Amino acid sequence: MEKATRIFGDVDYERAGKQVGHLYLPYSVTRSAYGNIALPIAVIAGGKGPTVFLQAGTHGDEYEGQIALCKLVRALEPGEVNGRIIVMTATNLPAALAGARVSPLDGVNLNRAYPGDPDGGPTKAIAHYVDSVIFPLTDYHLDLHSGGSSLDYQPFVSMRRSQDSELDRRAMAALTAFGGPVGIVWGHTLDGGFTDAAAIRRGIVSLGGEFGGGGAVMRSAVGLVERGLRGFLAHAGLIERKKPLPEGETRLFEVSGRDYFVLAPDAGLFEFAATIGEEVAEGQLCGHVHFVDDPARPPVPAYFRRAGTVICTRHFGRVERGDCIAHLATPI
């Protein structure tokens, strides 16, 4: 039997109409003995149809999705909706308010915390609520990410392969409906604590994506997310499609192993020899780590371990040994 959540709220998931309110996570501190963390949530429901759960702010320094969902909540009215849309614009609110990848309250990464624990710290309690309360209501799920402060990404929508071929087929159809120039299929799972891995365990059609990065707000990526949200909701049957689905627009790639990732071989300043979008060969130079505290020391090279397209590069110049400095994708 699943443990009961500690989180309570002022929205009714079964009520028609548009509700914008909060979920309250009890959090007792010196300044507020009976305090709560107030997580923003919106429910827009009208007619009979599936439930879509849209979330951003899993990582607080990833902004494009947060902005796009705020705009969607303001714009969408129940009369346009045939079903139910649940929106969390800042799923890990403490991290979002701090502009940080992990929560400043407990140092936990929400995208590694599923299925969570209601008796754990704030982040694990949030993960448990999403997994045990929202996911059982959900038919379609979209978790919007960006590269955050430390990575730059070629914007893309993504899905993760499951062990269920029919679920994968439905996810690919949803990815195509989202649209955009690039789609990524994650062919390996590094951690079962990912949000999309938790959704897949519940049998939900789940998409993700990386839309920008570098700790900034990329205007073109916000626009891509806004258009993609409409396509995704129309595909799920919740809103009317105002434009026909473009054919052959999304180029599909996959990331299917650890050898797609390049790790910093030493600590220092990293100089890239490749750029996002570049096609590289196995063994090609990715760049050099330089040592400003020892300028006579030769730089240490880092190489790509396979051929592919550079889809991501590190944003910060300084690296520690083991930091991801780039990763590849290969065409499907």
C-alpha atoms as a PDB file:
ATOM      1  CA  MET A   1       0.000   0.000   0.000  1.00  0.00           C
ATOM      2  CA  GLU A   2       1.329   3.434  -0.959  1.00  0.00           C
ATOM      3  CA  LYS A   3       1.991   5.895   1.835  1.00  0.00           C
ATOM      4  CA  ALA A   4      -0.343   8.887   2.044  1.00  0.00           C
ATOM      5  CA  THR A   5       0.979  12.233   0.856  1.00  0.00           C
ATOM      6  CA  ARG A   6       1.584  15.104   3.268  1.00  0.00           C
ATOM      7  CA  ILE A   7       0.677  17.640   0.595  1.00  0.00           C
ATOM      8  CA  PHE A   8      -2.802  19.186   0.508  1.00  0.00           C
ATOM      9  CA  GLY A   9      -4.287  21.736  -1.867  1.00  0.00           C
ATOM     10  CA  ASP A  10      -7.022  24.213  -2.725  1.00  0.00           C
ATOM     11  CA  VAL A  11      -7.825  22.852  -6.199  1.00  0.00           C
ATOM     12  CA  ASP A  12     -10.369  20.143  -7.003  1.00  0.00           C
ATOM     13  CA  TYR A  13      -9.184  17.855  -9.803  1.00  0.00           C
ATOM     14  CA  GLU A  14     -12.755  16.715 -10.468  1.00  0.00           C
ATOM     15  CA  ARG A  15     -14.256  20.180 -10.899  1.00  0.00           C
ATOM     16  CA  ALA A  16     -14.915  21.741 -14.304  1.00  0.00           C
ATOM     17  CA  GLY A  17     -13.661  25.238 -15.019  1.00  0.00           C
ATOM     18  CA  LYS A  18     -10.359  27.012 -14.485  1.00  0.00           C
ATOM     19  CA  GLN A  19      -8.684  26.879 -11.106  1.00  0.00           C
ATOM     20  CA  VAL A  20      -5.329  28.471 -10.268  1.00  0.00           C
ATOM     21  CA  GLY A  21      -4.222  27.738  -6.738  1.00  0.00           C
ATOM     22  CA  HIS A  22      -1.589  26.019  -4.625  1.00  0.00           C
ATOM     23  CA  LEU A  23      -0.489  22.707  -3.197  1.00  0.00           C
ATOM     24  CA  TYR A  24       0.769  23.083   0.372  1.00  0.00           C
ATOM     25  CA  LEU A  25       3.692  21.077   1.694  1.00  0.00           C
ATOM     26  CA  PRO A  26       4.073  21.457   5.491  1.00  0.00           C
ATOM     27  CA  TYR A  27       7.526  22.840   6.237  1.00  0.00           C
ATOM     28  CA  SER A  28       8.232  23.995   9.767  1.00  0.00           C
ATOM     29  CA  VAL A  29      11.122  26.441  10.170  1.00  0.00           C
ATOM     30  CA  THR A  30      12.209  29.096  12.657  1.00  0.00           C
ATOM     31  CA  ARG A  31      10.446  31.940  10.864  1.00  0.00           C
ATOM     32  CA  SER A  32       7.204  29.941  10.433  1.00  0.00           C
ATOM     33  CA  ALA A  33       6.471  27.155  12.920  1.00  0.00           C
ATOM     34  CA  TYR A  34       3.377  25.963  11.023  1.00  0.00           C
ATOM     35  CA  GLY A  35       4.616  27.054   7.617  1.00  0.00           C
ATOM     36  CA  ASN A  36       4.029  25.507   4.208  1.00  0.00           C
ATOM     37  CA  ILE A  37       5.751  25.568   0.828  1.00  0.00           C
ATOM     38  CA  ALA A  38       3.051  26.799  -1.583  1.00  0.00           C
ATOM     39  CA  LEU A  39       3.510  25.035  -4.938  1.00  0.00           C
ATOM     40  CA  PRO A  40       1.584  26.716  -7.791  1.00  0.00           C
ATOM     41  CA  ILE A  41      -0.879  24.529  -9.685  1.00  0.00           C
ATOM     42  CA  ALA A  42      -3.581  25.119 -12.298  1.00  0.00           C
ATOM     43  CA  VAL A  43      -6.404  22.856 -13.460  1.00  0.00           C
ATOM     44  CA  ILE A  44      -8.312  23.696 -16.648  1.00  0.00           C
ATOM     45  CA  ALA A  45     -11.175  21.302 -17.364  1.00  0.00           C
ATOM     46  CA  GLY A  46     -14.127  21.249 -19.719  1.00  0.00           C
ATOM     47  CA  GLY A  47     -16.037  18.455 -21.438  1.00  0.00           C
ATOM     48  CA  LYS A  48     -15.069  14.803 -21.344  1.00  0.00           C
ATOM     49  CA  GLY A  49     -11.660  13.731 -22.518  1.00  0.00           C
ATOM     50  CA  PRO A  50      -8.211  12.617 -21.382  1.00  0.00           C
ATOM     51  CA  THR A  51      -6.025  14.244 -18.737  1.00  0.00           C
ATOM     52  CA  VAL A  52      -2.752  15.912 -19.661  1.00  0.00           C
ATOM     53  CA  PHE A  53      -0.183  16.844 -17.034  1.00  0.00           C
ATOM     54  CA  LEU A  54       2.200  19.644 -18.047  1.00  0.00           C
ATOM     55  CA  GLN A  55       5.121  20.556 -15.823  1.00  0.00           C
ATOM     56  CA  ALA A  56       8.193  22.778 -15.774  1.00  0.00           C
ATOM     57  CA  GLY A  57      10.584  23.928 -13.080  1.00  0.00           C
ATOM     58  CA  THR A  58      11.720  20.407 -12.225  1.00  0.00           C
ATOM     59  CA  HIS A  59      15.081  22.171 -12.314  1.00  0.00           C
ATOM     60  CA  GLY A  60      14.806  25.764 -11.179  1.00  0.00           C
ATOM     61  CA  ASP A  61      17.386  27.234 -13.584  1.00  0.00           C
ATOM     62  CA  GLU A  62      15.564  26.003 -16.706  1.00  0.00           C
ATOM     63  CA  TYR A  63      13.264  28.820 -17.716  1.00  0.00           C
ATOM     64  CA  GLU A  64      11.715  28.445 -21.168  1.00  0.00           C
ATOM     65  CA  GLY A  65       9.151  25.861 -20.074  1.00  0.00           C
ATOM     66  CA  GLN A  66       8.227  27.818 -16.963  1.00  0.00           C
ATOM     67  CA  ILE A  67       7.451  30.911 -19.041  1.00  0.00           C
ATOM     68  CA  ALA A  68       5.560  29.007 -21.750  1.00  0.00           C
ATOM     69  CA  LEU A  69       3.329  27.288 -19.170  1.00  0.00           C
ATOM     70  CA  CYS A  70       2.575  30.592 -17.412  1.00  0.00           C
ATOM     71  CA  LYS A  71       1.449  32.006 -20.749  1.00  0.00           C
ATOM     72  CA  LEU A  72      -0.658  28.914 -21.475  1.00  0.00           C
ATOM     73  CA  VAL A  73      -2.428  29.113 -18.091  1.00  0.00           C
ATOM     74  CA  ARG A  74      -3.360  32.740 -18.726  1.00  0.00           C
ATOM     75  CA  ALA A  75      -4.497  32.135 -22.304  1.00  0.00           C
ATOM     76  CA  LEU A  76      -6.413  28.851 -22.175  1.00  0.00           C
ATOM     77  CA  GLU A  77     -10.077  28.816 -21.110  1.00  0.00           C
ATOM     78  CA  PRO A  78     -12.249  25.809 -20.132  1.00  0.00           C
ATOM     79  CA  GLY A  79     -14.491  26.295 -23.171  1.00  0.00           C
ATOM     80  CA  GLU A  80     -11.528  25.436 -25.401  1.00  0.00           C
ATOM     81  CA  VAL A  81     -10.745  22.221 -23.528  1.00  0.00           C
ATOM     82  CA  ASN A  82     -12.220  18.765 -24.011  1.00  0.00           C
ATOM     83  CA  GLY A  83     -10.773  17.000 -20.979  1.00  0.00           C
ATOM     84  CA  ARG A  84      -8.509  18.110 -18.147  1.00  0.00           C
ATOM     85  CA  ILE A  85      -5.147  19.885 -18.137  1.00  0.00           C
ATOM     86  CA  ILE A  86      -3.099  19.943 -14.933  1.00  0.00           C
ATOM     87  CA  VAL A  87      -0.229  22.445 -14.950  1.00  0.00           C
ATOM     88  CA  MET A  88       2.677  22.890 -12.539  1.00  0.00           C
ATOM     89  CA  THR A  89       4.744  25.855 -13.718  1.00  0.00           C
ATOM     90  CA  ALA A  90       7.385  25.453 -10.974  1.00  0.00           C
ATOM     91  CA  THR A  91       7.228  21.843  -9.804  1.00  0.00           C
ATOM     92  CA  ASN A  92      10.223  22.263  -7.512  1.00  0.00           C
ATOM     93  CA  LEU A  93       9.335  25.782  -6.377  1.00  0.00           C
ATOM     94  CA  PRO A  94      12.242  26.257  -3.938  1.00  0.00           C
ATOM     95  CA  ALA A  95      14.697  25.512  -6.760  1.00  0.00           C
ATOM     96  CA  ALA A  96      12.784  27.757  -9.183  1.00  0.00           C
ATOM     97  CA  LEU A  97      12.816  30.719  -6.791  1.00  0.00           C
ATOM     98  CA  ALA A  98      16.533  30.206  -6.216  1.00  0.00           C
ATOM     99  CA  GLY A  99      17.307  29.793  -9.937  1.00  0.00           C
ATOM    100  CA  ALA A 100      19.078  26.558  -9.023  1.00  0.00           C
ATOM    101  CA  ARG A 101      19.111  23.033 -10.436  1.00  0.00           C
ATOM    102  CA  VAL A 102      18.529  21.430  -7.031  1.00  0.00           C
ATOM    103  CA  SER A 103      16.438  22.569  -4.081  1.00  0.00           C
ATOM    104  CA  PRO A 104      18.269  24.877  -1.662  1.00  0.00           C
ATOM    105  CA  LEU A 105      16.245  23.280   1.147  1.00  0.00           C
ATOM    106  CA  ASP A 106      17.633  19.764   0.852  1.00  0.00           C
ATOM    107  CA  GLY A 107      20.096  19.714  -2.069  1.00  0.00           C
ATOM    108  CA  VAL A 108      18.044  17.056  -3.887  1.00  0.00           C
ATOM    109  CA  ASN A 109      17.530  16.882  -7.668  1.00  0.00           C
ATOM    110  CA  LEU A 110      13.792  16.341  -8.306  1.00  0.00           C
ATOM    111  CA  ASN A 111      14.577  14.592 -11.593  1.00  0.00           C
ATOM    112  CA  ARG A 112      16.359  11.813  -9.671  1.00  0.00           C
ATOM    113  CA  ALA A 113      13.908  11.600  -6.749  1.00  0.00           C
ATOM    114  CA  TYR A 114      11.010   9.467  -8.066  1.00  0.00           C
ATOM    115  CA  PRO A 115       8.958   7.703  -6.809  1.00  0.00           C
ATOM    116  CA  GLY A 116       9.711   9.920  -3.840  1.00  0.00           C
ATOM    117  CA  ASP A 117       8.927   9.591  -0.158  1.00  0.00           C
ATOM    118  CA  PRO A 118       6.192  11.488   1.735  1.00  0.00           C
ATOM    119  CA  ASP A 119       8.286  11.241   4.896  1.00  0.00           C
ATOM    120  CA  GLY A 120      11.451  12.501   3.194  1.00  0.00           C
ATOM    121  CA  GLY A 121      12.665  16.045   2.607  1.00  0.00           C
ATOM    122  CA  PRO A 122      10.709  18.599   0.533  1.00  0.00           C
ATOM    123  CA  THR A 123      11.923  17.380  -2.865  1.00  0.00           C
ATOM    124  CA  LYS A 124      11.150  13.722  -2.237  1.00  0.00           C
ATOM    125  CA  ALA A 125       7.729  14.716  -0.851  1.00  0.00           C
ATOM    126  CA  ILE A 126       6.984  16.646  -4.077  1.00  0.00           C
ATOM    127  CA  ALA A 127       8.074  13.663  -6.187  1.00  0.00           C
ATOM    128  CA  HIS A 128       5.837  11.365  -4.155  1.00  0.00           C
ATOM    129  CA  TYR A 129       2.807  13.649  -4.641  1.00  0.00           C
ATOM    130  CA  VAL A 130       3.335  13.806  -8.411  1.00  0.00           C
ATOM    131  CA  ASP A 131       3.850  10.047  -8.631  1.00  0.00           C
ATOM    132  CA  SER A 132       1.050   8.945  -6.315  1.00  0.00           C
ATOM    133  CA  VAL A 133      -1.633  11.610  -6.865  1.00  0.00           C
ATOM    134  CA  ILE A 134      -1.168  13.331 -10.243  1.00  0.00           C
ATOM    135  CA  PHE A 135       0.242  10.473 -12.344  1.00  0.00           C
ATOM    136  CA  PRO A 136      -2.694   8.120 -11.600  1.00  0.00           C
ATOM    137  CA  LEU A 137      -5.002  10.793 -13.078  1.00  0.00           C
ATOM    138  CA  THR A 138      -2.810  11.310 -16.157  1.00  0.00           C
ATOM    139  CA  ASP A 139      -3.014   9.962 -19.725  1.00  0.00           C
ATOM    140  CA  TYR A 140      -0.403  12.252 -21.351  1.00  0.00           C
ATOM    141  CA  HIS A 141       2.577  13.909 -19.679  1.00  0.00           C
ATOM    142  CA  LEU A 142       5.077  16.566 -20.753  1.00  0.00           C
ATOM    143  CA  ASP A 143       8.053  17.621 -18.601  1.00  0.00           C
ATOM    144  CA  LEU A 144       9.744  20.724 -20.012  1.00  0.00           C
ATOM    145  CA  HIS A 145      13.477  21.169 -19.414  1.00  0.00           C
ATOM    146  CA  SER A 146      16.393  23.272 -20.666  1.00  0.00           C
ATOM    147  CA  GLY A 147      20.126  22.933 -20.256  1.00  0.00           C
ATOM    148  CA  GLY A 148      20.063  25.000 -17.085  1.00  0.00           C
ATOM    149  CA  SER A 149      23.060  27.039 -15.993  1.00  0.00           C
ATOM    150  CA  SER A 150      25.704  24.481 -16.936  1.00  0.00           C
ATOM    151  CA  LEU A 151      24.694  23.255 -20.415  1.00  0.00           C
ATOM    152  CA  ASP A 152      23.709  24.636 -23.817  1.00  0.00           C
ATOM    153  CA  TYR A 153      21.359  22.492 -25.906  1.00  0.00           C
ATOM    154  CA  GLN A 154      20.122  22.331 -29.451  1.00  0.00           C
ATOM    155  CA  PRO A 155      16.399  22.656 -28.570  1.00  0.00           C
ATOM    156  CA  PHE A 156      14.529  19.378 -28.976  1.00  0.00           C
ATOM    157  CA  VAL A 157      11.482  17.428 -27.836  1.00  0.00           C
ATOM    158  CA  SER A 158      12.159  13.914 -26.572  1.00  0.00           C
ATOM    159  CA  MET A 159      10.771  10.545 -25.534  1.00  0.00           C
ATOM    160  CA  ARG A 160      12.336   7.676 -23.610  1.00  0.00           C
ATOM    161  CA  ARG A 161      12.133   4.089 -24.844  1.00  0.00           C
ATOM    162  CA  SER A 162      10.211   1.733 -22.562  1.00  0.00           C
ATOM    163  CA  GLN A 163       9.741  -2.028 -22.619  1.00  0.00           C
ATOM    164  CA  ASP A 164       6.269  -1.512 -24.129  1.00  0.00           C
ATOM    165  CA  SER A 165       6.278  -1.173 -27.938  1.00  0.00           C
ATOM    166  CA  GLU A 166       2.709   0.168 -28.058  1.00  0.00           C
ATOM    167  CA  LEU A 167       3.497   2.836 -25.452  1.00  0.00           C
ATOM    168  CA  ASP A 168       6.603   3.782 -27.452  1.00  0.00           C
ATOM    169  CA  ARG A 169       4.539   4.025 -30.645  1.00  0.00           C
ATOM    170  CA  ARG A 170       2.074   6.376 -28.952  1.00  0.00           C
ATOM    171  CA  ALA A 171       4.906   8.459 -27.519  1.00  0.00           C
ATOM    172  CA  MET A 172       6.507   8.795 -30.958  1.00  0.00           C
ATOM    173  CA  ALA A 173       3.169   9.957 -32.411  1.00  0.00           C
ATOM    174  CA  ALA A 174       2.936  12.578 -29.652  1.00  0.00           C
ATOM    175  CA  LEU A 175       6.533  13.678 -30.279  1.00  0.00           C
ATOM    176  CA  THR A 176       5.783  14.151 -33.970  1.00  0.00           C
ATOM    177  CA  ALA A 177       2.673  16.163 -33.101  1.00  0.00           C
ATOM    178  CA  PHE A 178       4.692  18.439 -30.800  1.00  0.00           C
ATOM    179  CA  GLY A 179       6.831  19.277 -33.828  1.00  0.00           C
ATOM    180  CA  GLY A 180      10.028  21.253 -34.027  1.00  0.00           C
ATOM    181  CA  PRO A 181      13.228  20.723 -35.954  1.00  0.00           C
ATOM    182  CA  VAL A 182      14.750  17.996 -33.731  1.00  0.00           C
ATOM    183  CA  GLY A 183      13.360  15.007 -31.816  1.00  0.00           C
ATOM    184  CA  ILE A 184      15.479  12.847 -29.519  1.00  0.00           C
ATOM    185  CA  VAL A 185      14.833   9.273 -28.411  1.00  0.00           C
ATOM    186  CA  TRP A 186      16.592   8.360 -25.178  1.00  0.00           C
ATOM    187  CA  GLY A 187      17.580   4.762 -25.706  1.00  0.00           C
ATOM    188  CA  HIS A 188      19.144   4.206 -22.306  1.00  0.00           C
ATOM    189  CA  THR A 189      18.033   4.953 -18.758  1.00  0.00           C
ATOM    190  CA  LEU A 190      20.748   6.093 -16.403  1.00  0.00           C
ATOM    191  CA  ASP A 191      18.472   6.484 -13.379  1.00  0.00           C
ATOM    192  CA  GLY A 192      15.003   5.189 -12.532  1.00  0.00           C
ATOM    193  CA  GLY A 193      14.389   8.373 -10.550  1.00  0.00           C
ATOM    194  CA  PHE A 194      13.751  10.422 -13.697  1.00  0.00           C
ATOM    195  CA  THR A 195      10.295  11.992 -13.975  1.00  0.00           C
ATOM    196  CA  ASP A 196       9.613  10.403 -17.366  1.00  0.00           C
ATOM    197  CA  ALA A 197      10.762   6.986 -16.118  1.00  0.00           C
ATOM    198  CA  ALA A 198       8.218   7.277 -13.302  1.00  0.00           C
ATOM    199  CA  ALA A 199       5.494   8.256 -15.792  1.00  0.00           C
ATOM    200  CA  ILE A 200       6.364   5.315 -18.034  1.00  0.00           C
ATOM    201  CA  ARG A 201       6.064   2.951 -15.069  1.00  0.00           C
ATOM    202  CA  ARG A 202       2.477   4.210 -14.756  1.00  0.00           C
ATOM    203  CA  GLY A 203       1.777   3.497 -18.439  1.00  0.00           C
ATOM    204  CA  ILE A 204       1.566   7.198 -19.351  1.00  0.00           C
ATOM    205  CA  VAL A 205       2.488   8.635 -22.765  1.00  0.00           C
ATOM    206  CA  SER A 206       5.366  10.832 -21.615  1.00  0.00           C
ATOM    207  CA  LEU A 207       7.496  13.413 -23.419  1.00  0.00           C
ATOM    208  CA  GLY A 208      10.348  15.608 -22.290  1.00  0.00           C
ATOM    209  CA  GLY A 209      12.678  17.995 -24.021  1.00  0.00           C
ATOM    210  CA  GLU A 210      15.571  20.384 -23.641  1.00  0.00           C
ATOM    211  CA  PHE A 211      14.772  23.891 -24.851  1.00  0.00           C
ATOM    212  CA  GLY A 212      17.777  26.185 -24.586  1.00  0.00           C
ATOM    213  CA  GLY A 213      20.192  26.541 -21.698  1.00  0.00           C
ATOM    214  CA  GLY A 214      23.040  28.581 -20.341  1.00  0.00           C
ATOM    215  CA  GLY A 215      20.829  29.985 -17.585  1.00  0.00           C
ATOM    216  CA  ALA A 216      19.199  32.416 -20.013  1.00  0.00           C
ATOM    217  CA  VAL A 217      15.778  32.672 -21.670  1.00  0.00           C
ATOM    218  CA  MET A 218      15.994  31.890 -25.389  1.00  0.00           C
ATOM    219  CA  ARG A 219      13.104  33.653 -27.120  1.00  0.00           C
ATOM    220  CA  SER A 220      13.025  31.241 -30.063  1.00  0.00           C
ATOM    221  CA  ALA A 221      12.915  28.275 -27.662  1.00  0.00           C
ATOM    222  CA  VAL A 222       9.975  29.781 -25.736  1.00  0.00           C
ATOM    223  CA  GLY A 223       8.153  30.114 -29.063  1.00  0.00           C
ATOM    224  CA  LEU A 224       9.002  26.520 -29.967  1.00  0.00           C
ATOM    225  CA  VAL A 225       7.551  25.317 -26.652  1.00  0.00           C
ATOM    226  CA  GLU A 226       4.406  27.410 -27.073  1.00  0.00           C
ATOM    227  CA  ARG A 227       3.742  25.967 -30.532  1.00  0.00           C
ATOM    228  CA  GLY A 228       4.631  22.482 -29.362  1.00  0.00           C
ATOM    229  CA  LEU A 229       2.245  22.652 -26.408  1.00  0.00           C
ATOM    230  CA  ARG A 230      -0.639  23.421 -28.758  1.00  0.00           C
ATOM    231  CA  GLY A 231       0.319  20.561 -31.063  1.00  0.00           C
ATOM    232  CA  PHE A 232       0.677  18.163 -28.141  1.00  0.00           C
ATOM    233  CA  LEU A 233      -2.693  19.138 -26.635  1.00  0.00           C
ATOM    234  CA  ALA A 234      -4.394  18.865 -30.023  1.00  0.00           C
ATOM    235  CA  HIS A 235      -2.870  15.418 -30.567  1.00  0.00           C
ATOM    236  CA  ALA A 236      -4.198  14.302 -27.170  1.00  0.00           C
ATOM    237  CA  GLY A 237      -7.666  15.523 -28.200  1.00  0.00           C
ATOM    238  CA  LEU A 238      -7.973  18.334 -25.670  1.00  0.00           C
ATOM    239  CA  ILE A 239      -8.026  21.321 -28.014  1.00  0.00           C
ATOM    240  CA  GLU A 240      -8.747  21.857 -31.692  1.00  0.00           C
ATOM    241  CA  ARG A 241      -5.824  21.882 -34.071  1.00  0.00           C
ATOM    242  CA  LYS A 242      -5.735  25.295 -35.728  1.00  0.00           C
ATOM    243  CA  LYS A 243      -3.019  24.403 -38.219  1.00  0.00           C
ATOM    244  CA  PRO A 244      -2.383  21.124 -40.068  1.00  0.00           C
ATOM    245  CA  LEU A 245       0.443  18.981 -38.718  1.00  0.00           C
ATOM    246  CA  PRO A 246       3.583  19.651 -40.774  1.00  0.00           C
ATOM    247  CA  GLU A 247       4.977  16.600 -42.513  1.00  0.00           C
ATOM    248  CA  GLY A 248       8.603  15.581 -42.223  1.00  0.00           C
ATOM    249  CA  GLU A 249       9.581  18.592 -40.152  1.00  0.00           C
ATOM    250  CA  THR A 250      11.161  16.829 -37.153  1.00  0.00           C
ATOM    251  CA  ARG A 251      14.552  15.152 -37.655  1.00  0.00           C
ATOM    252  CA  LEU A 252      14.817  12.172 -35.317  1.00  0.00           C
ATOM    253  CA  PHE A 253      17.957  11.275 -33.375  1.00  0.00           C
ATOM    254  CA  GLU A 254      18.748   8.916 -30.535  1.00  0.00           C
ATOM    255  CA  VAL A 255      21.052   8.812 -27.530  1.00  0.00           C
ATOM    256  CA  SER A 256      21.576   5.180 -26.658  1.00  0.00           C
ATOM    257  CA  GLY A 257      24.664   4.767 -24.508  1.00  0.00           C
ATOM    258  CA  ARG A 258      27.233   6.305 -22.189  1.00  0.00           C
ATOM    259  CA  ASP A 259      29.713   6.565 -25.048  1.00  0.00           C
ATOM    260  CA  TYR A 260      27.648   9.449 -26.460  1.00  0.00           C
ATOM    261  CA  PHE A 261      28.893  11.614 -23.545  1.00  0.00           C
ATOM    262  CA  VAL A 262      32.312  13.278 -23.234  1.00  0.00           C
ATOM    263  CA  LEU A 263      33.594  13.831 -19.686  1.00  0.00           C
ATOM    264  CA  ALA A 264      36.251  16.317 -18.592  1.00  0.00           C
ATOM    265  CA  PRO A 265      39.557  14.465 -18.158  1.00  0.00           C
ATOM    266  CA  ASP A 266      40.902  16.969 -15.609  1.00  0.00           C
ATOM    267  CA  ALA A 267      39.991  20.163 -13.743  1.00  0.00           C
ATOM    268  CA  GLY A 268      40.681  23.475 -15.448  1.00  0.00           C
ATOM    269  CA  LEU A 269      39.402  25.747 -18.224  1.00  0.00           C
ATOM    270  CA  PHE A 270      37.862  23.934 -21.179  1.00  0.00           C
ATOM    271  CA  GLU A 271      38.303  25.170 -24.764  1.00  0.00           C
ATOM    272  CA  PHE A 272      35.955  23.562 -27.297  1.00  0.00           C
ATOM    273  CA  ALA A 273      37.134  22.318 -30.661  1.00  0.00           C
ATOM    274  CA  ALA A 274      33.584  21.457 -31.799  1.00  0.00           C
ATOM    275  CA  THR A 275      30.236  23.266 -31.802  1.00  0.00           C
ATOM    276  CA  ILE A 276      26.567  22.366 -31.431  1.00  0.00           C
ATOM    277  CA  GLY A 277      25.201  20.913 -34.658  1.00  0.00           C
ATOM    278  CA  GLU A 278      28.596  19.753 -35.907  1.00  0.00           C
ATOM    279  CA  GLU A 279      29.024  16.213 -37.256  1.00  0.00           C
ATOM    280  CA  VAL A 280      32.035  14.575 -35.601  1.00  0.00           C
ATOM    281  CA  ALA A 281      33.936  11.310 -36.055  1.00  0.00           C
ATOM    282  CA  GLU A 282      34.975   8.734 -33.486  1.00  0.00           C
ATOM    283  CA  GLY A 283      38.241   9.857 -31.916  1.00  0.00           C
ATOM    284  CA  GLN A 284      37.842  13.470 -33.085  1.00  0.00           C
ATOM    285  CA  LEU A 285      39.062  16.187 -30.718  1.00  0.00           C
ATOM    286  CA  CYS A 286      36.338  17.660 -28.516  1.00  0.00           C
ATOM    287  CA  GLY A 287      38.636  20.219 -26.905  1.00  0.00           C
ATOM    288  CA  HIS A 288      41.377  20.882 -24.360  1.00  0.00           C
ATOM    289  CA  VAL A 289      41.518  21.495 -20.619  1.00  0.00           C
ATOM    290  CA  HIS A 290      43.936  24.366 -19.846  1.00  0.00           C
ATOM    291  CA  PHE A 291      45.616  25.092 -16.507  1.00  0.00           C
ATOM    292  CA  VAL A 292      45.818  28.812 -15.785  1.00  0.00           C
ATOM    293  CA  ASP A 293      47.526  28.156 -12.435  1.00  0.00           C
ATOM    294  CA  ASP A 294      50.327  26.275 -14.250  1.00  0.00           C
ATOM    295  CA  PRO A 295      50.668  27.880 -17.706  1.00  0.00           C
ATOM    296  CA  ALA A 296      53.695  25.774 -18.656  1.00  0.00           C
ATOM    297  CA  ARG A 297      51.686  22.569 -18.281  1.00  0.00           C
ATOM    298  CA  PRO A 298      50.478  21.180 -21.632  1.00  0.00           C
ATOM    299  CA  PRO A 299      46.673  21.145 -22.020  1.00  0.00           C
ATOM    300  CA  VAL A 300      44.870  17.809 -21.694  1.00  0.00           C
ATOM    301  CA  PRO A 301      42.763  16.775 -24.707  1.00  0.00           C
ATOM    302  CA  ALA A 302      39.284  15.251 -24.616  1.00  0.00           C
ATOM    303  CA  TYR A 303      37.998  13.148 -27.518  1.00  0.00           C
ATOM    304  CA  PHE A 304      34.645  11.968 -28.818  1.00  0.00           C
ATOM    305  CA  ARG A 305      34.250   8.252 -28.212  1.00  0.00           C
ATOM    306  CA  ARG A 306      31.968   7.685 -31.201  1.00  0.00           C
ATOM    307  CA  ALA A 307      30.666   9.457 -34.290  1.00  0.00           C
ATOM    308  CA  GLY A 308      27.533  11.599 -34.149  1.00  0.00           C
ATOM    309  CA  THR A 309      26.047  15.086 -34.053  1.00  0.00           C
ATOM    310  CA  VAL A 310      26.938  17.428 -31.190  1.00  0.00           C
ATOM    311  CA  ILE A 311      23.607  18.148 -29.491  1.00  0.00           C
ATOM    312  CA  CYS A 312      24.868  19.609 -26.203  1.00  0.00           C
ATOM    313  CA  THR A 313      27.922  21.450 -24.880  1.00  0.00           C
ATOM    314  CA  ARG A 314      28.902  22.671 -21.438  1.00  0.00           C
ATOM    315  CA  HIS A 315      28.175  26.348 -20.761  1.00  0.00           C
ATOM    316  CA  PHE A 316      30.593  27.101 -17.918  1.00  0.00           C
ATOM    317  CA  GLY A 317      34.241  27.436 -18.904  1.00  0.00           C
ATOM    318  CA  ARG A 318      35.613  25.921 -15.709  1.00  0.00           C
ATOM    319  CA  VAL A 319      35.310  22.150 -15.389  1.00  0.00           C
ATOM    320  CA  GLU A 320      36.028  19.492 -12.789  1.00  0.00           C
ATOM    321  CA  ARG A 321      37.135  15.979 -13.699  1.00  0.00           C
ATOM    322  CA  GLY A 322      33.998  14.002 -14.615  1.00  0.00           C
ATOM    323  CA  ASP A 323      31.858  16.975 -15.722  1.00  0.00           C
ATOM    324  CA  CYS A 324      29.885  16.368 -18.914  1.00  0.00           C
ATOM    325  CA  ILE A 325      31.414  18.712 -21.478  1.00  0.00           C
ATOM    326  CA  ALA A 326      29.440  17.533 -24.526  1.00  0.00           C
ATOM    327  CA  HIS A 327      27.166  14.830 -25.769  1.00  0.00           C
ATOM    328  CA  LEU A 328      26.180  13.459 -29.122  1.00  0.00           C
ATOM    329  CA  ALA A 329      23.085  12.129 -30.836  1.00  0.00           C
ATOM    330  CA  THR A 330      22.856   9.897 -33.910  1.00  0.00           C
ATOM    331  CA  PRO A 331      20.190   9.896 -36.638  1.00  0.00           C
ATOM    332  CA  ILE A 332      17.414   7.319 -36.487  1.00  0.00           C
END
